[in-house]
Amino acid sequence: MKRIFSILLCSIIVLAACDNNSESKEDKAKADSIAKETERKNKVQEAKDKVATDLEKLAPLTEEQIKALMPEMLGDVPLSDYSFSAAMGAPVASGEYKMTDSSSVILTISDCAGSGGAGLYNLQYAGQLEYNNENDIEYTKVIDFNGSKAIEYCRKTIVECSFTYFSGGRYLVLLEGKNIGADDLKKIGRELKVK
């Protein structure tokens, strides 16, 4: 009886040791995965910080310079309702292009130079690059666009989308569509020459 008990006890110890080893392998794999993801996020953050630091060193554009970036025509649709703002030290030009009576595109170009512009870059672009969300009403996703990242947002219940990307090493471009889908906004973005 003692012999059977000893064999049974040894078997339990061996099985427990084997199972414990597999748990430590799983734990090690999880830890490695977390470490790799942390390293990737740190590299991405360092790249964003470098861009923001470089932007702070640039002088912001004047109203005339940023207005020159706004196309007079978007396809065959003329620019209307132009506006300019330099709130918080970031020059921003905006204009509407009325495609039809019920559809339009608003183009906003922000100069991210200087400390105010770098803050705008961080808040409205860099800070959103890790954010993907979808529900029954809307979605936000980060996509590849012209060799960089862009932020696509659409409401699902109505055709209302926006598309944001960084261009020319200093410009934040926002296209907002009323009754214009995301694919059409991306097409417009590819045709824009904001550099």
N, C-alpha and C. Protein backbone atom coordinates (compact mmCIF):
# COMPACT_ATOMS: atom_id res chain seq x y z
N MET A 1 0.81 -1.19 0.00
CA MET A 1 0.00 0.00 0.00
C MET A 1 0.86 1.26 0.00
N LYS A 2 1.94 1.22 0.82
CA LYS A 2 2.84 2.37 0.84
C LYS A 2 3.47 2.56 -0.53
N ARG A 3 3.76 1.47 -1.20
CA ARG A 3 4.40 1.54 -2.50
C ARG A 3 3.45 2.20 -3.51
N ILE A 4 2.17 1.82 -3.50
CA ILE A 4 1.19 2.40 -4.42
C ILE A 4 1.02 3.89 -4.11
N PHE A 5 0.94 4.21 -2.84
CA PHE A 5 0.82 5.60 -2.44
C PHE A 5 2.04 6.41 -2.90
N SER A 6 3.24 5.85 -2.76
CA SER A 6 4.47 6.53 -3.19
C SER A 6 4.48 6.74 -4.69
N ILE A 7 4.06 5.72 -5.45
CA ILE A 7 4.01 5.84 -6.92
C ILE A 7 2.97 6.89 -7.31
N LEU A 8 1.82 6.85 -6.67
CA LEU A 8 0.77 7.83 -6.94
C LEU A 8 1.24 9.24 -6.61
N LEU A 9 1.91 9.41 -5.49
CA LEU A 9 2.42 10.72 -5.09
C LEU A 9 3.47 11.22 -6.08
N CYS A 10 4.38 10.35 -6.50
CA CYS A 10 5.40 10.74 -7.50
C CYS A 10 4.74 11.13 -8.82
N SER A 11 3.71 10.39 -9.22
CA SER A 11 3.00 10.69 -10.47
C SER A 11 2.35 12.07 -10.40
N ILE A 12 1.73 12.36 -9.27
CA ILE A 12 1.08 13.66 -9.10
C ILE A 12 2.12 14.78 -9.15
N ILE A 13 3.25 14.59 -8.52
CA ILE A 13 4.31 15.60 -8.53
C ILE A 13 4.83 15.82 -9.94
N VAL A 14 5.05 14.73 -10.69
CA VAL A 14 5.54 14.84 -12.07
C VAL A 14 4.51 15.56 -12.92
N LEU A 15 3.24 15.19 -12.81
CA LEU A 15 2.19 15.85 -13.59
C LEU A 15 2.08 17.33 -13.22
N ALA A 16 2.15 17.63 -11.97
CA ALA A 16 2.09 19.03 -11.54
C ALA A 16 3.27 19.82 -12.08
N ALA A 17 4.43 19.21 -12.08
CA ALA A 17 5.63 19.89 -12.60
C ALA A 17 5.50 20.13 -14.09
N CYS A 18 4.97 19.14 -14.83
CA CYS A 18 4.79 19.31 -16.27
C CYS A 18 3.78 20.41 -16.56
N ASP A 19 2.67 20.41 -15.82
CA ASP A 19 1.65 21.43 -16.02
C ASP A 19 2.19 22.80 -15.64
N ASN A 20 2.96 22.87 -14.58
CA ASN A 20 3.55 24.13 -14.13
C ASN A 20 4.50 24.67 -15.20
N ASN A 21 5.21 23.79 -15.88
CA ASN A 21 6.14 24.19 -16.94
C ASN A 21 5.38 24.80 -18.11
N SER A 22 4.23 24.22 -18.48
CA SER A 22 3.46 24.78 -19.59
C SER A 22 2.90 26.15 -19.24
N GLU A 23 2.49 26.31 -17.98
CA GLU A 23 2.01 27.63 -17.56
C GLU A 23 3.12 28.66 -17.64
N SER A 24 4.31 28.29 -17.25
CA SER A 24 5.40 29.26 -17.31
C SER A 24 5.75 29.59 -18.76
N LYS A 25 5.60 28.63 -19.68
CA LYS A 25 5.82 28.91 -21.11
C LYS A 25 4.76 29.88 -21.62
N GLU A 26 3.51 29.66 -21.21
CA GLU A 26 2.44 30.57 -21.61
C GLU A 26 2.67 31.96 -21.03
N ASP A 27 3.06 32.01 -19.76
CA ASP A 27 3.35 33.29 -19.12
C ASP A 27 4.50 34.00 -19.82
N LYS A 28 5.52 33.25 -20.20
CA LYS A 28 6.67 33.83 -20.90
C LYS A 28 6.25 34.37 -22.27
N ALA A 29 5.41 33.60 -22.98
CA ALA A 29 4.93 34.05 -24.29
C ALA A 29 4.10 35.33 -24.15
N LYS A 30 3.24 35.39 -23.13
CA LYS A 30 2.45 36.60 -22.89
C LYS A 30 3.34 37.79 -22.55
N ALA A 31 4.32 37.55 -21.70
CA ALA A 31 5.24 38.62 -21.31
C ALA A 31 6.03 39.11 -22.52
N ASP A 32 6.47 38.18 -23.38
CA ASP A 32 7.20 38.57 -24.60
C ASP A 32 6.31 39.40 -25.52
N SER A 33 5.06 38.98 -25.66
CA SER A 33 4.11 39.71 -26.50
C SER A 33 3.87 41.12 -25.97
N ILE A 34 3.70 41.23 -24.67
CA ILE A 34 3.49 42.55 -24.05
C ILE A 34 4.73 43.42 -24.22
N ALA A 35 5.90 42.83 -24.07
CA ALA A 35 7.15 43.58 -24.21
C ALA A 35 7.31 44.09 -25.65
N LYS A 36 6.99 43.25 -26.63
CA LYS A 36 7.09 43.66 -28.04
C LYS A 36 6.11 44.78 -28.35
N GLU A 37 4.88 44.67 -27.85
CA GLU A 37 3.88 45.71 -28.09
C GLU A 37 4.28 47.02 -27.41
N THR A 38 4.82 46.93 -26.22
CA THR A 38 5.29 48.13 -25.51
C THR A 38 6.44 48.78 -26.27
N GLU A 39 7.35 47.97 -26.78
CA GLU A 39 8.47 48.50 -27.56
C GLU A 39 7.97 49.18 -28.84
N ARG A 40 6.99 48.56 -29.51
CA ARG A 40 6.43 49.14 -30.73
C ARG A 40 5.77 50.48 -30.42
N LYS A 41 4.97 50.53 -29.35
CA LYS A 41 4.30 51.77 -28.98
C LYS A 41 5.30 52.86 -28.59
N ASN A 42 6.37 52.47 -27.92
CA ASN A 42 7.41 53.45 -27.56
C ASN A 42 8.07 54.03 -28.80
N LYS A 43 8.35 53.19 -29.79
CA LYS A 43 8.96 53.68 -31.04
C LYS A 43 8.01 54.63 -31.77
N VAL A 44 6.73 54.27 -31.82
CA VAL A 44 5.74 55.13 -32.46
C VAL A 44 5.66 56.47 -31.73
N GLN A 45 5.64 56.44 -30.41
CA GLN A 45 5.58 57.68 -29.63
C GLN A 45 6.82 58.53 -29.83
N GLU A 46 7.99 57.90 -29.90
CA GLU A 46 9.23 58.64 -30.15
C GLU A 46 9.18 59.33 -31.50
N ALA A 47 8.64 58.64 -32.52
CA ALA A 47 8.53 59.24 -33.85
C ALA A 47 7.57 60.43 -33.82
N LYS A 48 6.44 60.30 -33.13
CA LYS A 48 5.49 61.41 -33.01
C LYS A 48 6.12 62.59 -32.28
N ASP A 49 6.85 62.30 -31.21
CA ASP A 49 7.51 63.36 -30.44
C ASP A 49 8.55 64.09 -31.28
N LYS A 50 9.28 63.35 -32.11
CA LYS A 50 10.29 63.97 -32.97
C LYS A 50 9.62 64.91 -33.97
N VAL A 51 8.52 64.46 -34.58
CA VAL A 51 7.80 65.32 -35.53
C VAL A 51 7.33 66.58 -34.82
N ALA A 52 6.74 66.44 -33.63
CA ALA A 52 6.25 67.60 -32.89
C ALA A 52 7.39 68.56 -32.54
N THR A 53 8.53 68.02 -32.14
CA THR A 53 9.69 68.86 -31.82
C THR A 53 10.17 69.61 -33.05
N ASP A 54 10.22 68.92 -34.19
CA ASP A 54 10.63 69.56 -35.44
C ASP A 54 9.64 70.64 -35.85
N LEU A 55 8.35 70.39 -35.65
CA LEU A 55 7.32 71.38 -36.00
C LEU A 55 7.45 72.64 -35.16
N GLU A 56 7.78 72.48 -33.88
CA GLU A 56 7.93 73.65 -32.99
C GLU A 56 9.02 74.59 -33.48
N LYS A 57 10.00 74.08 -34.19
CA LYS A 57 11.13 74.90 -34.67
C LYS A 57 10.77 75.71 -35.91
N LEU A 58 9.67 75.36 -36.59
CA LEU A 58 9.29 76.06 -37.82
C LEU A 58 8.47 77.31 -37.51
N ALA A 59 8.56 78.30 -38.40
CA ALA A 59 7.75 79.51 -38.26
C ALA A 59 6.40 79.28 -38.93
N PRO A 60 5.30 79.65 -38.27
CA PRO A 60 3.97 79.48 -38.87
C PRO A 60 3.81 80.33 -40.12
N LEU A 61 2.97 79.84 -41.03
CA LEU A 61 2.68 80.57 -42.26
C LEU A 61 1.82 81.80 -41.98
N THR A 62 1.86 82.75 -42.89
CA THR A 62 0.96 83.91 -42.83
C THR A 62 -0.38 83.50 -43.44
N GLU A 63 -1.37 84.36 -43.30
CA GLU A 63 -2.68 84.08 -43.89
C GLU A 63 -2.57 83.94 -45.41
N GLU A 64 -1.80 84.79 -46.04
CA GLU A 64 -1.65 84.73 -47.49
C GLU A 64 -1.00 83.41 -47.93
N GLN A 65 0.00 82.97 -47.18
CA GLN A 65 0.69 81.73 -47.53
C GLN A 65 -0.21 80.51 -47.39
N ILE A 66 -0.99 80.45 -46.32
CA ILE A 66 -1.86 79.28 -46.14
C ILE A 66 -3.06 79.33 -47.08
N LYS A 67 -3.55 80.55 -47.39
CA LYS A 67 -4.66 80.66 -48.34
C LYS A 67 -4.24 80.19 -49.72
N ALA A 68 -2.98 80.38 -50.06
CA ALA A 68 -2.47 79.93 -51.36
C ALA A 68 -2.53 78.41 -51.50
N LEU A 69 -2.59 77.69 -50.39
CA LEU A 69 -2.69 76.23 -50.44
C LEU A 69 -4.10 75.75 -50.75
N MET A 70 -5.09 76.62 -50.53
CA MET A 70 -6.49 76.24 -50.78
C MET A 70 -6.75 76.28 -52.29
N PRO A 71 -7.18 75.18 -52.87
CA PRO A 71 -7.46 75.20 -54.31
C PRO A 71 -8.69 76.06 -54.63
N GLU A 72 -8.61 76.84 -55.70
CA GLU A 72 -9.75 77.65 -56.13
C GLU A 72 -10.90 76.76 -56.59
N MET A 73 -10.54 75.59 -57.14
CA MET A 73 -11.54 74.64 -57.62
C MET A 73 -11.21 73.26 -57.05
N LEU A 74 -12.24 72.55 -56.68
CA LEU A 74 -12.11 71.15 -56.27
C LEU A 74 -12.85 70.36 -57.35
N GLY A 75 -12.09 69.82 -58.30
CA GLY A 75 -12.72 69.27 -59.49
C GLY A 75 -13.25 70.44 -60.30
N ASP A 76 -14.56 70.46 -60.51
CA ASP A 76 -15.18 71.59 -61.22
C ASP A 76 -16.05 72.45 -60.30
N VAL A 77 -15.80 72.32 -58.99
CA VAL A 77 -16.59 73.05 -58.00
C VAL A 77 -15.74 74.17 -57.39
N PRO A 78 -16.23 75.42 -57.44
CA PRO A 78 -15.44 76.54 -56.91
C PRO A 78 -15.46 76.62 -55.38
N LEU A 79 -14.41 77.21 -54.85
CA LEU A 79 -14.29 77.47 -53.42
C LEU A 79 -15.30 78.55 -53.01
N SER A 80 -15.98 78.31 -51.91
CA SER A 80 -16.88 79.34 -51.35
C SER A 80 -16.70 79.34 -49.84
N ASP A 81 -17.17 80.37 -49.21
CA ASP A 81 -17.15 80.47 -47.75
C ASP A 81 -15.77 80.25 -47.15
N TYR A 82 -14.78 80.95 -47.66
CA TYR A 82 -13.41 80.84 -47.13
C TYR A 82 -13.33 81.53 -45.78
N SER A 83 -12.56 80.93 -44.85
CA SER A 83 -12.31 81.58 -43.57
C SER A 83 -10.88 81.27 -43.12
N PHE A 84 -10.37 82.14 -42.25
CA PHE A 84 -9.02 81.98 -41.71
C PHE A 84 -9.06 82.26 -40.22
N SER A 85 -8.24 81.51 -39.49
CA SER A 85 -8.11 81.73 -38.05
C SER A 85 -6.68 81.43 -37.65
N ALA A 86 -6.21 82.15 -36.65
CA ALA A 86 -4.88 81.87 -36.09
C ALA A 86 -4.98 81.70 -34.58
N ALA A 87 -6.10 81.14 -34.14
CA ALA A 87 -6.31 80.93 -32.70
C ALA A 87 -5.24 80.00 -32.15
N MET A 88 -4.75 80.32 -30.99
CA MET A 88 -3.73 79.53 -30.28
C MET A 88 -2.44 79.38 -31.09
N GLY A 89 -2.18 80.31 -32.00
CA GLY A 89 -0.92 80.32 -32.72
C GLY A 89 -0.82 79.36 -33.88
N ALA A 90 -1.92 78.73 -34.27
CA ALA A 90 -1.90 77.79 -35.40
C ALA A 90 -2.76 78.35 -36.53
N PRO A 91 -2.14 78.74 -37.65
CA PRO A 91 -2.91 79.24 -38.79
C PRO A 91 -3.76 78.13 -39.42
N VAL A 92 -5.05 78.43 -39.61
CA VAL A 92 -5.99 77.45 -40.16
C VAL A 92 -6.82 78.13 -41.24
N ALA A 93 -6.82 77.54 -42.44
CA ALA A 93 -7.66 78.02 -43.54
C ALA A 93 -8.73 76.97 -43.80
N SER A 94 -9.94 77.45 -44.08
CA SER A 94 -11.05 76.53 -44.32
C SER A 94 -11.93 77.08 -45.43
N GLY A 95 -12.46 76.19 -46.23
CA GLY A 95 -13.36 76.60 -47.30
C GLY A 95 -14.32 75.49 -47.65
N GLU A 96 -15.47 75.90 -48.15
CA GLU A 96 -16.50 74.93 -48.52
C GLU A 96 -16.62 74.86 -50.04
N TYR A 97 -16.85 73.66 -50.52
CA TYR A 97 -17.08 73.40 -51.94
C TYR A 97 -18.44 72.73 -52.03
N LYS A 98 -19.43 73.43 -52.59
CA LYS A 98 -20.79 72.90 -52.67
C LYS A 98 -20.93 72.09 -53.95
N MET A 99 -20.94 70.77 -53.80
CA MET A 99 -21.01 69.87 -54.95
C MET A 99 -22.39 69.90 -55.60
N THR A 100 -23.43 69.80 -54.76
CA THR A 100 -24.82 69.88 -55.21
C THR A 100 -25.59 70.65 -54.13
N ASP A 101 -26.90 70.74 -54.30
CA ASP A 101 -27.71 71.40 -53.27
C ASP A 101 -27.65 70.66 -51.94
N SER A 102 -27.43 69.35 -51.99
CA SER A 102 -27.46 68.56 -50.76
C SER A 102 -26.11 67.95 -50.37
N SER A 103 -25.07 68.23 -51.13
CA SER A 103 -23.76 67.66 -50.78
C SER A 103 -22.67 68.73 -50.88
N SER A 104 -21.72 68.61 -49.96
CA SER A 104 -20.61 69.57 -49.96
C SER A 104 -19.40 68.95 -49.28
N VAL A 105 -18.25 69.57 -49.54
CA VAL A 105 -17.00 69.18 -48.90
C VAL A 105 -16.41 70.43 -48.25
N ILE A 106 -16.03 70.29 -47.00
CA ILE A 106 -15.30 71.37 -46.32
C ILE A 106 -13.85 70.92 -46.20
N LEU A 107 -12.96 71.74 -46.73
CA LEU A 107 -11.52 71.48 -46.66
C LEU A 107 -10.92 72.42 -45.64
N THR A 108 -10.21 71.85 -44.68
CA THR A 108 -9.51 72.64 -43.67
C THR A 108 -8.04 72.26 -43.69
N ILE A 109 -7.18 73.26 -43.85
CA ILE A 109 -5.73 73.05 -43.84
C ILE A 109 -5.16 73.81 -42.65
N SER A 110 -4.52 73.08 -41.76
CA SER A 110 -3.90 73.67 -40.58
C SER A 110 -2.40 73.60 -40.71
N ASP A 111 -1.73 74.72 -40.46
CA ASP A 111 -0.27 74.73 -40.43
C ASP A 111 0.16 74.34 -39.02
N CYS A 112 0.85 73.22 -38.91
CA CYS A 112 1.24 72.70 -37.59
C CYS A 112 2.60 73.21 -37.14
N ALA A 113 3.09 74.30 -37.73
CA ALA A 113 4.38 74.88 -37.34
C ALA A 113 4.22 75.69 -36.06
N GLY A 114 5.33 75.83 -35.33
CA GLY A 114 5.32 76.59 -34.08
C GLY A 114 4.74 75.76 -32.95
N SER A 115 4.77 76.31 -31.76
CA SER A 115 4.29 75.54 -30.60
C SER A 115 2.79 75.30 -30.65
N GLY A 116 2.02 76.29 -31.10
CA GLY A 116 0.57 76.10 -31.22
C GLY A 116 0.22 75.06 -32.26
N GLY A 117 0.90 75.09 -33.39
CA GLY A 117 0.66 74.11 -34.44
C GLY A 117 1.07 72.71 -34.03
N ALA A 118 2.19 72.60 -33.31
CA ALA A 118 2.64 71.29 -32.83
C ALA A 118 1.63 70.71 -31.85
N GLY A 119 1.04 71.57 -31.03
CA GLY A 119 -0.01 71.11 -30.12
C GLY A 119 -1.23 70.62 -30.88
N LEU A 120 -1.59 71.33 -31.94
CA LEU A 120 -2.70 70.91 -32.80
C LEU A 120 -2.39 69.56 -33.44
N TYR A 121 -1.17 69.38 -33.92
CA TYR A 121 -0.73 68.11 -34.51
C TYR A 121 -0.91 66.97 -33.50
N ASN A 122 -0.45 67.19 -32.27
CA ASN A 122 -0.57 66.15 -31.24
C ASN A 122 -2.02 65.84 -30.89
N LEU A 123 -2.82 66.87 -30.75
CA LEU A 123 -4.20 66.70 -30.31
C LEU A 123 -5.10 66.11 -31.40
N GLN A 124 -5.03 66.65 -32.60
CA GLN A 124 -5.99 66.26 -33.63
C GLN A 124 -5.50 65.17 -34.56
N TYR A 125 -4.23 64.84 -34.51
CA TYR A 125 -3.73 63.80 -35.41
C TYR A 125 -2.95 62.72 -34.67
N ALA A 126 -1.79 63.05 -34.14
CA ALA A 126 -0.91 62.04 -33.53
C ALA A 126 -1.60 61.30 -32.39
N GLY A 127 -2.38 62.01 -31.60
CA GLY A 127 -3.07 61.39 -30.47
C GLY A 127 -4.19 60.46 -30.88
N GLN A 128 -4.61 60.53 -32.12
CA GLN A 128 -5.71 59.69 -32.61
C GLN A 128 -5.23 58.45 -33.37
N LEU A 129 -3.93 58.33 -33.61
CA LEU A 129 -3.43 57.27 -34.48
C LEU A 129 -3.50 55.86 -33.90
N GLU A 130 -3.79 55.72 -32.65
CA GLU A 130 -3.93 54.40 -32.04
C GLU A 130 -5.40 54.09 -31.73
N TYR A 131 -6.30 54.90 -32.27
CA TYR A 131 -7.71 54.81 -31.89
C TYR A 131 -8.54 54.26 -33.04
N ASN A 132 -9.11 53.08 -32.86
CA ASN A 132 -10.08 52.50 -33.78
C ASN A 132 -11.32 52.17 -32.97
N ASN A 133 -12.48 52.52 -33.50
CA ASN A 133 -13.71 52.27 -32.76
C ASN A 133 -14.84 52.09 -33.76
N GLU A 134 -15.75 51.19 -33.45
CA GLU A 134 -16.93 51.01 -34.30
C GLU A 134 -18.10 50.59 -33.43
N ASN A 135 -19.25 51.18 -33.72
CA ASN A 135 -20.50 50.78 -33.08
C ASN A 135 -21.61 50.88 -34.11
N ASP A 136 -22.86 50.80 -33.69
CA ASP A 136 -23.99 50.82 -34.63
C ASP A 136 -24.19 52.18 -35.28
N ILE A 137 -23.65 53.23 -34.70
CA ILE A 137 -23.91 54.59 -35.17
C ILE A 137 -22.77 55.15 -36.02
N GLU A 138 -21.52 54.82 -35.67
CA GLU A 138 -20.37 55.44 -36.33
C GLU A 138 -19.15 54.55 -36.22
N TYR A 139 -18.12 54.93 -36.98
CA TYR A 139 -16.83 54.25 -36.83
C TYR A 139 -15.70 55.24 -37.03
N THR A 140 -14.59 54.94 -36.40
CA THR A 140 -13.33 55.66 -36.58
C THR A 140 -12.26 54.61 -36.79
N LYS A 141 -11.49 54.77 -37.86
CA LYS A 141 -10.40 53.82 -38.07
C LYS A 141 -9.19 54.53 -38.68
N VAL A 142 -8.03 53.99 -38.34
CA VAL A 142 -6.77 54.50 -38.87
C VAL A 142 -6.42 53.64 -40.07
N ILE A 143 -6.13 54.30 -41.19
CA ILE A 143 -5.82 53.57 -42.42
C ILE A 143 -4.51 54.07 -43.01
N ASP A 144 -3.95 53.30 -43.93
CA ASP A 144 -2.78 53.74 -44.69
C ASP A 144 -3.26 54.63 -45.83
N PHE A 145 -2.55 55.75 -46.02
CA PHE A 145 -2.93 56.70 -47.06
C PHE A 145 -1.68 57.41 -47.55
N ASN A 146 -1.39 57.29 -48.82
CA ASN A 146 -0.23 57.95 -49.43
C ASN A 146 1.06 57.70 -48.66
N GLY A 147 1.27 56.48 -48.18
CA GLY A 147 2.50 56.12 -47.48
C GLY A 147 2.55 56.57 -46.03
N SER A 148 1.45 57.05 -45.51
CA SER A 148 1.39 57.49 -44.12
C SER A 148 0.09 57.00 -43.50
N LYS A 149 -0.28 57.55 -42.37
CA LYS A 149 -1.53 57.17 -41.70
C LYS A 149 -2.56 58.28 -41.84
N ALA A 150 -3.81 57.87 -41.90
CA ALA A 150 -4.93 58.81 -41.97
C ALA A 150 -6.04 58.31 -41.06
N ILE A 151 -6.90 59.22 -40.67
CA ILE A 151 -8.00 58.89 -39.77
C ILE A 151 -9.31 59.07 -40.54
N GLU A 152 -10.04 57.98 -40.65
CA GLU A 152 -11.33 57.98 -41.35
C GLU A 152 -12.45 57.87 -40.32
N TYR A 153 -13.41 58.75 -40.40
CA TYR A 153 -14.56 58.74 -39.49
C TYR A 153 -15.83 58.83 -40.33
N CYS A 154 -16.80 57.98 -40.03
CA CYS A 154 -18.09 58.06 -40.73
C CYS A 154 -19.23 57.74 -39.78
N ARG A 155 -20.32 58.43 -39.99
CA ARG A 155 -21.57 58.07 -39.31
C ARG A 155 -22.27 57.07 -40.21
N LYS A 156 -22.92 56.10 -39.63
CA LYS A 156 -23.55 55.04 -40.41
C LYS A 156 -25.00 55.35 -40.77
N THR A 157 -25.66 56.16 -39.98
CA THR A 157 -27.08 56.42 -40.21
C THR A 157 -27.31 57.44 -41.32
N ILE A 158 -26.34 58.32 -41.55
CA ILE A 158 -26.40 59.28 -42.65
C ILE A 158 -25.02 59.32 -43.31
N VAL A 159 -24.97 59.83 -44.52
CA VAL A 159 -23.68 59.89 -45.21
C VAL A 159 -22.97 61.16 -44.78
N GLU A 160 -22.20 61.03 -43.72
CA GLU A 160 -21.42 62.14 -43.17
C GLU A 160 -20.09 61.57 -42.71
N CYS A 161 -19.03 61.96 -43.40
CA CYS A 161 -17.71 61.39 -43.13
C CYS A 161 -16.67 62.50 -43.02
N SER A 162 -15.55 62.16 -42.40
CA SER A 162 -14.39 63.06 -42.40
C SER A 162 -13.14 62.21 -42.60
N PHE A 163 -12.13 62.87 -43.09
CA PHE A 163 -10.88 62.20 -43.42
C PHE A 163 -9.74 63.15 -43.08
N THR A 164 -8.83 62.72 -42.22
CA THR A 164 -7.74 63.58 -41.74
C THR A 164 -6.40 62.93 -42.02
N TYR A 165 -5.47 63.72 -42.56
CA TYR A 165 -4.12 63.20 -42.80
C TYR A 165 -3.10 64.33 -42.66
N PHE A 166 -1.85 63.93 -42.49
CA PHE A 166 -0.73 64.86 -42.33
C PHE A 166 0.04 64.89 -43.65
N SER A 167 0.37 66.07 -44.15
CA SER A 167 0.99 66.19 -45.46
C SER A 167 2.11 67.23 -45.46
N GLY A 168 3.09 67.00 -46.29
CA GLY A 168 4.15 67.98 -46.49
C GLY A 168 5.01 68.25 -45.27
N GLY A 169 4.96 67.37 -44.29
CA GLY A 169 5.79 67.54 -43.11
C GLY A 169 5.33 68.63 -42.16
N ARG A 170 4.17 69.28 -42.45
CA ARG A 170 3.70 70.34 -41.55
C ARG A 170 2.20 70.62 -41.61
N TYR A 171 1.50 70.10 -42.59
CA TYR A 171 0.09 70.44 -42.77
C TYR A 171 -0.84 69.32 -42.33
N LEU A 172 -1.83 69.70 -41.55
CA LEU A 172 -2.90 68.78 -41.18
C LEU A 172 -4.08 69.09 -42.09
N VAL A 173 -4.49 68.10 -42.87
CA VAL A 173 -5.56 68.29 -43.85
C VAL A 173 -6.79 67.54 -43.37
N LEU A 174 -7.91 68.25 -43.30
CA LEU A 174 -9.18 67.66 -42.89
C LEU A 174 -10.19 67.88 -43.99
N LEU A 175 -10.78 66.78 -44.47
CA LEU A 175 -11.86 66.84 -45.44
C LEU A 175 -13.13 66.34 -44.75
N GLU A 176 -14.17 67.16 -44.78
CA GLU A 176 -15.44 66.78 -44.17
C GLU A 176 -16.50 66.75 -45.27
N GLY A 177 -17.19 65.63 -45.37
CA GLY A 177 -18.19 65.48 -46.42
C GLY A 177 -19.61 65.41 -45.89
N LYS A 178 -20.47 66.19 -46.50
CA LYS A 178 -21.91 66.09 -46.22
C LYS A 178 -22.51 65.41 -47.45
N ASN A 179 -23.08 64.24 -47.24
CA ASN A 179 -23.57 63.39 -48.33
C ASN A 179 -22.46 63.04 -49.31
N ILE A 180 -21.25 62.93 -48.79
CA ILE A 180 -20.07 62.50 -49.53
C ILE A 180 -19.43 61.39 -48.71
N GLY A 181 -19.22 60.22 -49.31
CA GLY A 181 -18.67 59.07 -48.59
C GLY A 181 -17.16 59.14 -48.41
N ALA A 182 -16.65 58.22 -47.61
CA ALA A 182 -15.22 58.19 -47.29
C ALA A 182 -14.36 57.93 -48.52
N ASP A 183 -14.81 57.07 -49.42
CA ASP A 183 -14.01 56.78 -50.62
C ASP A 183 -13.85 58.03 -51.48
N ASP A 184 -14.91 58.82 -51.60
CA ASP A 184 -14.83 60.07 -52.38
C ASP A 184 -13.90 61.08 -51.70
N LEU A 185 -13.93 61.13 -50.37
CA LEU A 185 -13.03 62.04 -49.65
C LEU A 185 -11.57 61.62 -49.85
N LYS A 186 -11.31 60.31 -49.83
CA LYS A 186 -9.94 59.82 -50.06
C LYS A 186 -9.48 60.18 -51.46
N LYS A 187 -10.38 60.05 -52.43
CA LYS A 187 -10.03 60.40 -53.81
C LYS A 187 -9.67 61.89 -53.91
N ILE A 188 -10.46 62.73 -53.27
CA ILE A 188 -10.17 64.17 -53.25
C ILE A 188 -8.82 64.42 -52.57
N GLY A 189 -8.58 63.74 -51.45
CA GLY A 189 -7.31 63.89 -50.73
C GLY A 189 -6.11 63.53 -51.59
N ARG A 190 -6.24 62.48 -52.41
CA ARG A 190 -5.13 62.08 -53.29
C ARG A 190 -4.86 63.14 -54.36
N GLU A 191 -5.91 63.86 -54.77
CA GLU A 191 -5.76 64.87 -55.82
C GLU A 191 -5.26 66.22 -55.29
N LEU A 192 -5.39 66.46 -53.99
CA LEU A 192 -4.92 67.72 -53.42
C LEU A 192 -3.40 67.81 -53.47
N LYS A 193 -2.91 68.99 -53.66
CA LYS A 193 -1.46 69.22 -53.72
C LYS A 193 -1.02 70.08 -52.54
N VAL A 194 -1.26 69.60 -51.34
CA VAL A 194 -0.88 70.34 -50.13
C VAL A 194 0.47 69.80 -49.69
N LYS A 195 1.53 70.55 -50.01
CA LYS A 195 2.89 70.10 -49.67
C LYS A 195 3.76 71.28 -49.32
